[in-house]
N, C-alpha and C. Protein backbone atom coordinates (compact mmCIF):
# COMPACT_ATOMS: atom_id res chain seq x y z
N MET A 1 3.06 -0.61 18.26
CA MET A 1 3.87 -1.10 17.03
C MET A 1 4.91 -0.15 16.64
N ARG A 2 5.97 -0.68 16.16
CA ARG A 2 6.97 0.24 16.24
C ARG A 2 7.06 0.02 14.42
N VAL A 3 7.00 1.60 14.13
CA VAL A 3 7.04 1.73 12.48
C VAL A 3 8.35 2.68 12.27
N PHE A 4 8.99 2.10 11.00
CA PHE A 4 10.11 2.96 10.65
C PHE A 4 9.63 3.79 9.35
N LEU A 5 9.94 4.96 9.01
CA LEU A 5 9.76 5.40 7.81
C LEU A 5 10.60 5.22 6.77
N PHE A 6 10.89 3.95 6.47
CA PHE A 6 11.39 3.50 5.10
C PHE A 6 10.76 2.25 5.22
N MET A 7 12.48 -4.22 3.76
CA MET A 7 12.09 -5.94 3.60
C MET A 7 13.21 -6.74 3.18
N LEU A 8 12.75 -7.37 3.26
CA LEU A 8 13.33 -8.63 2.88
C LEU A 8 13.29 -8.74 1.28
N ASP A 9 13.70 -9.80 0.94
CA ASP A 9 13.61 -10.28 -0.74
C ASP A 9 12.24 -10.08 -0.77
N PRO A 10 12.02 -9.38 -1.95
CA PRO A 10 10.49 -8.97 -2.26
C PRO A 10 9.95 -10.47 -2.55
N PHE A 11 10.70 -11.36 -3.11
CA PHE A 11 9.94 -12.76 -3.54
C PHE A 11 9.71 -13.59 -2.57
N GLN A 12 10.47 -13.54 -1.47
CA GLN A 12 10.32 -14.42 -0.28
C GLN A 12 9.07 -14.49 0.29
N LYS A 13 7.71 -13.40 0.14
CA LYS A 13 6.76 -13.66 0.56
C LYS A 13 6.01 -14.44 -0.54
N LEU A 14 6.29 -14.61 -1.35
CA LEU A 14 5.46 -15.27 -2.23
C LEU A 14 5.37 -16.93 -2.06
N LYS A 15 6.50 -17.38 -1.02
CA LYS A 15 6.59 -18.83 -0.52
C LYS A 15 5.24 -19.22 0.25
N GLY A 16 4.73 -17.98 1.09
CA GLY A 16 3.58 -18.30 1.83
C GLY A 16 2.21 -19.00 1.04
N LYS A 17 1.70 -19.89 1.81
CA LYS A 17 0.65 -20.36 1.30
C LYS A 17 -0.56 -19.76 0.74
N ASN A 18 -0.93 -18.77 1.76
CA ASN A 18 -2.19 -18.10 1.67
C ASN A 18 -1.93 -16.82 0.75
N ILE A 19 -0.89 -16.57 0.00
CA ILE A 19 -0.89 -15.17 -0.66
C ILE A 19 -1.97 -15.45 -1.69
N LYS A 20 -2.36 -16.03 -2.57
CA LYS A 20 -3.27 -16.27 -3.42
C LYS A 20 -4.85 -16.03 -2.93
N LYS A 21 -4.96 -16.68 -1.88
CA LYS A 21 -5.99 -16.34 -1.00
C LYS A 21 -6.30 -14.93 -0.68
N GLN A 22 -5.43 -14.66 -0.14
CA GLN A 22 -5.36 -13.27 0.51
C GLN A 22 -5.61 -11.86 -0.41
N ALA A 23 -5.06 -12.40 -1.66
CA ALA A 23 -5.40 -11.47 -2.84
C ALA A 23 -6.88 -11.60 -3.28
N LYS A 24 -7.30 -12.97 -3.18
CA LYS A 24 -8.62 -13.21 -3.95
C LYS A 24 -9.65 -12.49 -2.58
N LYS A 25 -9.19 -12.85 -1.43
CA LYS A 25 -10.06 -12.17 -0.67
C LYS A 25 -10.32 -10.33 -0.92
N GLU A 26 -9.18 -10.03 -0.72
CA GLU A 26 -8.91 -8.53 -0.89
C GLU A 26 -9.95 -8.14 -2.32
N GLN A 27 -9.82 -8.92 -3.48
CA GLN A 27 -10.36 -8.55 -4.79
C GLN A 27 -12.11 -8.46 -4.42
N LYS A 28 -12.42 -9.20 -3.62
CA LYS A 28 -14.00 -9.20 -3.43
C LYS A 28 -14.37 -7.67 -2.68
N ILE A 29 -13.28 -7.25 -1.95
CA ILE A 29 -13.70 -6.15 -1.21
C ILE A 29 -13.66 -4.87 -2.22
N LYS A 30 -12.37 -4.96 -3.19
CA LYS A 30 -12.63 -3.81 -3.94
C LYS A 30 -11.68 -4.65 -5.47
N GLY A 31 -12.73 -4.56 -6.51
CA GLY A 31 -12.43 -4.92 -7.73
C GLY A 31 -11.26 -4.48 -8.22
N LYS A 32 -10.79 -3.11 -8.22
CA LYS A 32 -9.36 -2.64 -8.74
C LYS A 32 -8.38 -3.55 -8.73
N ALA A 33 -8.17 -4.04 -7.32
CA ALA A 33 -7.15 -5.06 -7.36
C ALA A 33 -6.92 -6.15 -8.03
N TRP A 34 -8.16 -6.95 -8.33
CA TRP A 34 -8.20 -7.84 -8.87
C TRP A 34 -7.73 -7.54 -10.28
N LYS A 35 -8.37 -6.42 -10.93
CA LYS A 35 -8.14 -5.87 -12.24
C LYS A 35 -6.69 -5.86 -12.36
N MET A 36 -6.19 -5.18 -11.25
CA MET A 36 -4.36 -4.83 -11.45
C MET A 36 -3.96 -6.22 -11.55
N TRP A 37 -4.44 -6.94 -10.83
CA TRP A 37 -3.36 -8.36 -10.55
C TRP A 37 -3.89 -9.00 -12.28
N LYS A 38 -4.64 -8.80 -12.79
CA LYS A 38 -5.06 -9.50 -14.17
C LYS A 38 -4.22 -8.79 -15.07
N MET A 39 -4.25 -7.21 -14.91
CA MET A 39 -3.54 -6.70 -15.96
C MET A 39 -2.03 -7.01 -16.01
N TYR A 40 -1.46 -7.11 -14.49
CA TYR A 40 0.12 -6.91 -14.27
C TYR A 40 0.76 -8.52 -13.86
N GLY A 41 -0.42 -9.11 -13.70
CA GLY A 41 0.00 -10.63 -13.18
C GLY A 41 0.21 -10.38 -11.71
N PHE A 42 0.39 -11.63 -10.84
CA PHE A 42 0.53 -11.11 -9.37
C PHE A 42 1.98 -10.62 -9.38
N CYS A 43 2.05 -9.36 -8.62
CA CYS A 43 3.27 -8.75 -8.56
C CYS A 43 4.05 -9.10 -7.25
N GLY A 44 3.38 -9.55 -6.29
CA GLY A 44 4.07 -9.70 -5.24
C GLY A 44 3.65 -8.47 -4.01
N VAL A 45 2.99 -7.59 -4.45
CA VAL A 45 2.65 -6.56 -3.68
C VAL A 45 1.07 -6.78 -3.37
N LEU A 46 0.71 -6.88 -1.91
CA LEU A 46 -0.52 -7.14 -1.61
C LEU A 46 -1.25 -5.83 -1.54
N ILE A 47 -2.62 -5.74 -2.07
CA ILE A 47 -3.21 -4.43 -1.74
C ILE A 47 -4.36 -4.51 -1.17
N PHE A 48 -4.54 -3.31 -0.22
CA PHE A 48 -5.59 -3.40 0.65
C PHE A 48 -6.18 -1.92 0.73
N HIS A 49 -7.71 -2.09 0.52
CA HIS A 49 -8.23 -0.67 0.67
C HIS A 49 -8.99 -0.49 1.87
N ASN A 50 -8.83 -1.21 2.94
CA ASN A 50 -9.49 -1.04 4.33
C ASN A 50 -8.66 -1.22 5.29
N ALA A 51 -8.80 -0.70 6.51
CA ALA A 51 -7.94 -0.80 7.64
C ALA A 51 -7.78 -2.18 8.23
N ASP A 52 -9.10 -2.94 8.51
CA ASP A 52 -8.84 -4.15 8.57
C ASP A 52 -7.99 -5.16 7.91
N GLY A 53 -7.68 -4.83 6.94
CA GLY A 53 -6.84 -6.05 6.23
C GLY A 53 -5.49 -5.51 6.23
N ILE A 54 -5.22 -4.17 6.39
CA ILE A 54 -3.81 -3.87 6.56
C ILE A 54 -3.48 -4.32 7.66
N GLN A 55 -4.21 -3.93 8.84
CA GLN A 55 -4.16 -4.49 10.44
C GLN A 55 -3.77 -5.88 10.28
N SER A 56 -4.36 -6.72 9.93
CA SER A 56 -4.40 -8.38 9.86
C SER A 56 -2.97 -8.62 9.18
N ALA A 57 -2.73 -7.92 8.20
CA ALA A 57 -1.54 -8.36 7.47
C ALA A 57 -0.16 -7.74 8.41
N ILE A 58 -0.28 -6.61 9.09
CA ILE A 58 0.72 -6.38 10.03
C ILE A 58 1.18 -7.13 11.06
N LYS A 59 -0.45 -7.60 11.71
CA LYS A 59 -0.12 -8.28 12.94
C LYS A 59 0.34 -9.85 12.70
N SER A 60 0.13 -10.18 11.44
CA SER A 60 0.83 -11.72 10.86
C SER A 60 2.27 -11.29 10.92
N TRP A 61 2.64 -10.25 10.22
CA TRP A 61 4.02 -10.29 10.01
C TRP A 61 4.59 -9.91 11.50
N GLN A 62 3.98 -9.26 12.14
CA GLN A 62 4.66 -9.08 13.74
C GLN A 62 4.76 -10.40 14.33
N LYS A 63 3.89 -11.17 14.25
CA LYS A 63 4.13 -12.61 14.97
C LYS A 63 5.42 -13.16 14.18
N GLU A 64 5.67 -13.21 12.88
CA GLU A 64 6.61 -14.04 12.48
C GLU A 64 7.99 -13.27 12.65
N GLY A 65 8.01 -11.99 13.43
CA GLY A 65 9.00 -11.36 14.21
C GLY A 65 9.35 -10.11 13.02
N PHE A 66 8.88 -9.65 12.20
CA PHE A 66 9.08 -8.41 11.37
C PHE A 66 8.39 -7.44 11.90
N LYS A 67 9.23 -6.41 11.58
CA LYS A 67 8.83 -4.85 11.83
C LYS A 67 8.32 -4.18 10.48
N VAL A 68 7.72 -3.27 10.79
CA VAL A 68 6.84 -2.56 9.46
C VAL A 68 7.24 -1.24 9.46
N ALA A 69 7.68 -1.16 8.05
CA ALA A 69 8.36 0.44 7.46
C ALA A 69 7.11 0.78 6.47
N PHE A 70 6.84 1.99 7.20
CA PHE A 70 5.77 2.78 6.49
C PHE A 70 6.15 3.85 5.66
N VAL A 71 5.95 4.10 4.28
CA VAL A 71 5.97 5.18 3.63
C VAL A 71 4.65 5.77 2.78
N PRO A 72 4.20 6.67 3.45
CA PRO A 72 2.84 7.19 3.31
C PRO A 72 3.18 8.14 2.03
N THR A 73 2.08 8.26 1.00
CA THR A 73 2.28 9.00 0.16
C THR A 73 1.05 9.49 -0.51
N MET A 74 0.99 10.48 -1.03
CA MET A 74 -0.41 10.92 -1.75
C MET A 74 -0.60 10.44 -3.45
N GLY A 75 0.43 9.14 -3.57
CA GLY A 75 0.34 9.02 -5.05
C GLY A 75 1.06 9.70 -6.00
N ALA A 76 0.76 9.81 -7.25
CA ALA A 76 1.68 10.28 -8.28
C ALA A 76 3.22 10.02 -7.85
N LEU A 77 3.56 8.68 -7.43
CA LEU A 77 4.82 8.31 -7.20
C LEU A 77 5.78 8.88 -8.03
N HIS A 78 7.07 9.00 -7.39
CA HIS A 78 8.17 9.54 -8.17
C HIS A 78 9.65 9.00 -7.59
N GLU A 79 10.49 9.16 -7.86
CA GLU A 79 12.04 8.51 -7.49
C GLU A 79 11.93 8.97 -5.97
N GLY A 80 11.66 9.94 -5.64
CA GLY A 80 11.73 10.35 -4.37
C GLY A 80 11.02 9.03 -3.22
N HIS A 81 10.06 8.91 -3.78
CA HIS A 81 8.85 7.86 -2.94
C HIS A 81 9.77 6.32 -3.04
N LEU A 82 10.33 6.43 -4.54
CA LEU A 82 10.78 4.74 -4.57
C LEU A 82 12.11 5.02 -3.78
N ALA A 83 12.68 5.91 -3.85
CA ALA A 83 14.18 5.85 -2.94
C ALA A 83 13.77 5.61 -1.38
N LEU A 84 12.56 6.07 -0.84
CA LEU A 84 12.48 5.61 0.80
C LEU A 84 12.00 3.99 0.83
N VAL A 85 11.19 3.70 -0.39
CA VAL A 85 10.90 2.14 -0.57
C VAL A 85 12.12 1.41 -0.45
N GLU A 86 13.20 1.91 -1.37
CA GLU A 86 14.33 1.04 -1.55
C GLU A 86 15.24 1.17 -0.31
N ARG A 87 15.42 2.29 0.54
CA ARG A 87 16.07 2.18 1.70
C ARG A 87 15.30 1.29 2.68
N ALA A 88 14.09 1.30 2.61
CA ALA A 88 13.71 0.28 3.68
C ALA A 88 14.06 -1.24 3.38
N ALA A 89 14.33 -1.63 2.09
CA ALA A 89 14.95 -2.89 1.59
C ALA A 89 16.08 -3.19 2.52
N HIS A 90 16.73 -2.42 3.13
CA HIS A 90 18.17 -2.71 3.55
C HIS A 90 17.70 -2.64 5.00
N LEU A 91 16.65 -2.61 5.88
CA LEU A 91 16.59 -3.00 6.67
C LEU A 91 16.61 -3.97 7.50
N PRO A 92 17.03 -4.93 8.41
CA PRO A 92 16.81 -6.17 8.70
C PRO A 92 15.07 -6.47 9.07
N GLN A 93 14.74 -7.69 8.92
CA GLN A 93 13.32 -8.08 9.41
C GLN A 93 12.30 -6.96 9.20
N VAL A 94 12.33 -6.42 8.17
CA VAL A 94 11.12 -5.37 7.75
C VAL A 94 10.61 -5.82 6.87
N ARG A 95 9.02 -5.43 6.97
CA ARG A 95 8.19 -5.46 5.71
C ARG A 95 7.70 -3.91 5.46
N VAL A 96 7.52 -3.77 4.31
CA VAL A 96 7.34 -2.24 3.60
C VAL A 96 5.86 -2.12 3.20
N VAL A 97 5.38 -1.17 3.84
CA VAL A 97 3.92 -0.93 3.61
C VAL A 97 3.87 0.51 2.87
N CYS A 98 3.47 0.77 1.44
CA CYS A 98 3.50 2.09 0.88
C CYS A 98 2.07 2.55 0.95
N SER A 99 1.53 3.87 1.43
CA SER A 99 0.32 4.17 1.36
C SER A 99 0.04 4.87 0.12
N ILE A 100 -1.23 5.19 -0.32
CA ILE A 100 -1.32 6.20 -1.24
C ILE A 100 -2.86 6.43 -0.75
N PHE A 101 -2.73 7.85 -0.60
CA PHE A 101 -4.29 8.28 0.00
C PHE A 101 -3.98 10.19 -0.27
N VAL A 102 -4.92 10.42 -1.03
CA VAL A 102 -5.00 11.91 -1.52
C VAL A 102 -6.04 12.36 -0.36
N ASN A 103 -5.41 12.97 0.52
CA ASN A 103 -6.23 13.79 1.78
C ASN A 103 -6.93 15.44 1.48
N PRO A 104 -8.37 14.89 1.39
CA PRO A 104 -8.74 16.08 0.86
C PRO A 104 -8.61 17.52 2.01
N THR A 105 -8.28 17.28 3.17
CA THR A 105 -7.60 18.06 4.34
C THR A 105 -6.80 18.91 3.75
N GLN A 106 -5.99 18.57 2.77
CA GLN A 106 -4.80 19.07 2.42
C GLN A 106 -4.82 20.08 1.69
N PHE A 107 -5.94 20.21 1.12
CA PHE A 107 -6.23 21.18 -0.16
C PHE A 107 -7.23 22.42 0.57
N ASN A 108 -6.69 23.62 0.30
CA ASN A 108 -7.70 24.57 0.62
C ASN A 108 -8.74 24.87 -0.46
N ASP A 109 -8.32 24.35 -1.89
CA ASP A 109 -8.95 25.00 -2.83
C ASP A 109 -9.57 23.46 -3.36
N PRO A 110 -10.95 23.22 -3.58
CA PRO A 110 -11.44 21.92 -4.10
C PRO A 110 -10.96 21.79 -5.54
N ALA A 111 -10.38 22.77 -6.35
CA ALA A 111 -10.16 22.76 -7.66
C ALA A 111 -8.94 22.30 -7.49
N ASP A 112 -8.10 22.24 -6.66
CA ASP A 112 -7.04 21.77 -6.51
C ASP A 112 -6.60 20.34 -6.24
N LEU A 113 -8.05 20.04 -5.50
CA LEU A 113 -8.02 18.86 -5.05
C LEU A 113 -8.46 17.73 -6.32
N ASN A 114 -9.19 18.46 -6.95
CA ASN A 114 -9.52 17.53 -8.07
C ASN A 114 -8.53 17.41 -9.15
N ALA A 115 -7.57 18.43 -9.17
CA ALA A 115 -6.78 18.46 -10.52
C ALA A 115 -5.50 17.61 -9.91
N TYR A 116 -5.27 17.05 -8.79
CA TYR A 116 -4.17 16.59 -8.10
C TYR A 116 -4.35 15.06 -9.12
N PRO A 117 -3.13 14.70 -9.48
CA PRO A 117 -2.77 13.63 -10.15
C PRO A 117 -3.21 12.26 -9.64
N ARG A 118 -3.94 11.56 -10.22
CA ARG A 118 -4.26 10.36 -9.76
C ARG A 118 -4.15 8.94 -10.67
N ASN A 119 -3.10 8.13 -10.83
CA ASN A 119 -3.00 7.06 -11.73
C ASN A 119 -2.77 5.90 -10.89
N PRO A 120 -3.51 5.20 -10.19
CA PRO A 120 -3.37 4.05 -9.40
C PRO A 120 -2.55 2.75 -10.14
N ALA A 121 -2.94 2.77 -11.51
CA ALA A 121 -2.40 1.75 -12.42
C ALA A 121 -0.74 1.89 -12.37
N ARG A 122 -0.68 3.14 -12.78
CA ARG A 122 0.95 3.85 -12.94
C ARG A 122 1.91 3.25 -11.54
N ASP A 123 1.05 3.82 -10.34
CA ASP A 123 1.81 3.82 -9.39
C ASP A 123 2.10 2.30 -8.77
N LEU A 124 1.07 1.43 -8.95
CA LEU A 124 1.28 0.32 -8.61
C LEU A 124 2.37 -0.57 -9.51
N ARG A 125 2.28 -0.33 -10.97
CA ARG A 125 3.01 -0.50 -11.92
C ARG A 125 4.74 -0.48 -11.22
N LEU A 126 4.67 0.91 -10.84
CA LEU A 126 5.89 1.42 -10.27
C LEU A 126 6.60 0.65 -9.26
N LEU A 127 5.70 0.40 -8.36
CA LEU A 127 6.01 -0.41 -7.24
C LEU A 127 6.43 -1.88 -7.22
N SER A 128 5.75 -2.36 -8.48
CA SER A 128 5.70 -3.64 -8.69
C SER A 128 7.07 -3.78 -9.34
N GLU A 129 7.55 -3.08 -10.41
CA GLU A 129 8.65 -3.16 -11.22
C GLU A 129 9.92 -2.73 -10.05
N GLN A 130 9.94 -1.88 -8.98
CA GLN A 130 10.93 -1.95 -8.13
C GLN A 130 11.10 -3.12 -7.34
N GLY A 131 9.84 -3.83 -6.84
CA GLY A 131 9.68 -5.01 -6.30
C GLY A 131 10.28 -5.14 -4.64
N ARG A 132 10.03 -3.68 -4.24
CA ARG A 132 10.62 -3.61 -2.86
C ARG A 132 9.54 -3.59 -1.48
N ALA A 133 8.32 -3.25 -2.06
CA ALA A 133 7.12 -2.86 -1.34
C ALA A 133 6.35 -4.50 -1.18
N ASP A 134 6.01 -4.41 0.14
CA ASP A 134 5.22 -5.78 0.39
C ASP A 134 3.93 -5.66 0.30
N ALA A 135 3.29 -4.57 0.73
CA ALA A 135 1.87 -4.07 0.47
C ALA A 135 1.74 -2.55 0.30
N LEU A 136 0.52 -2.54 -0.38
CA LEU A 136 0.04 -0.85 -0.79
C LEU A 136 -1.35 -0.81 -0.12
N PHE A 137 -1.55 0.28 0.68
CA PHE A 137 -2.66 0.59 1.34
C PHE A 137 -3.49 1.74 0.55
N GLN A 138 -4.28 1.57 0.13
CA GLN A 138 -4.99 2.36 -0.68
C GLN A 138 -6.51 2.44 -0.05
N PRO A 139 -6.71 3.39 1.07
CA PRO A 139 -8.10 3.82 1.89
C PRO A 139 -8.87 4.59 1.23
N GLU A 140 -10.09 4.52 0.79
CA GLU A 140 -10.62 5.47 0.21
C GLU A 140 -11.26 6.61 1.79
N VAL A 141 -11.39 7.56 1.47
CA VAL A 141 -12.06 8.75 2.39
C VAL A 141 -12.82 8.32 3.48
N GLN A 142 -13.79 7.51 2.91
CA GLN A 142 -14.57 7.23 4.01
C GLN A 142 -14.32 6.04 4.88
N GLN A 143 -13.10 5.62 4.54
CA GLN A 143 -12.28 4.35 5.42
C GLN A 143 -11.55 5.31 6.47
N THR A 144 -10.87 6.31 6.08
CA THR A 144 -10.12 7.02 6.87
C THR A 144 -10.70 7.91 7.94
N TYR A 145 -12.00 8.54 7.76
CA TYR A 145 -12.60 9.26 8.61
C TYR A 145 -13.79 8.73 9.21
N SER A 146 -13.94 8.84 10.58
CA SER A 146 -15.08 8.56 11.23
C SER A 146 -16.42 8.97 10.67
N PRO A 147 -17.34 8.20 10.63
CA PRO A 147 -18.56 8.90 10.27
C PRO A 147 -19.22 10.09 11.05
N GLY A 148 -19.37 11.44 10.14
CA GLY A 148 -19.93 12.80 10.60
C GLY A 148 -18.52 13.31 10.58
N LEU A 149 -17.50 12.97 10.56
CA LEU A 149 -15.95 13.84 10.75
C LEU A 149 -15.67 13.98 9.21
N GLU A 150 -16.33 13.27 7.99
CA GLU A 150 -15.70 13.44 6.70
C GLU A 150 -15.41 14.80 6.41
N PRO A 151 -14.18 14.97 5.93
CA PRO A 151 -14.04 16.39 5.01
C PRO A 151 -15.30 16.82 4.19
N LYS A 152 -15.49 18.04 3.81
CA LYS A 152 -16.48 18.79 3.30
C LYS A 152 -15.81 18.47 1.98
């Protein structure tokens, strides 16, 4: 798969017939997505909390001829993150996936990990208002590490 570190018109994806169905399916997996949808209305950003869901979306986009731009973050989004997502909007035939994952292995001190700012509702609001990301991938630690290899 070809991945850029950096979409088309963000509203183009809303023309798809299965968008609402996909979001409701995702809601069954993780209630937070549904709560955010109700809070902000459907914002055009598909929210995935597991690898199977995002991989399925990527395969579907690739079949349609799109490439994927991936913007990895640890959340607490700021202008720099949004600038990368914006830059991706100018690449042709690209869908943008932003990830938010606070990786516990990046912290030496557990107190730093616990103190790291987490506000997923704010992050989703920023992405929604910008209107450039197609999907948000927010995996849990258990989804990211194989059984037995979870960080301590």
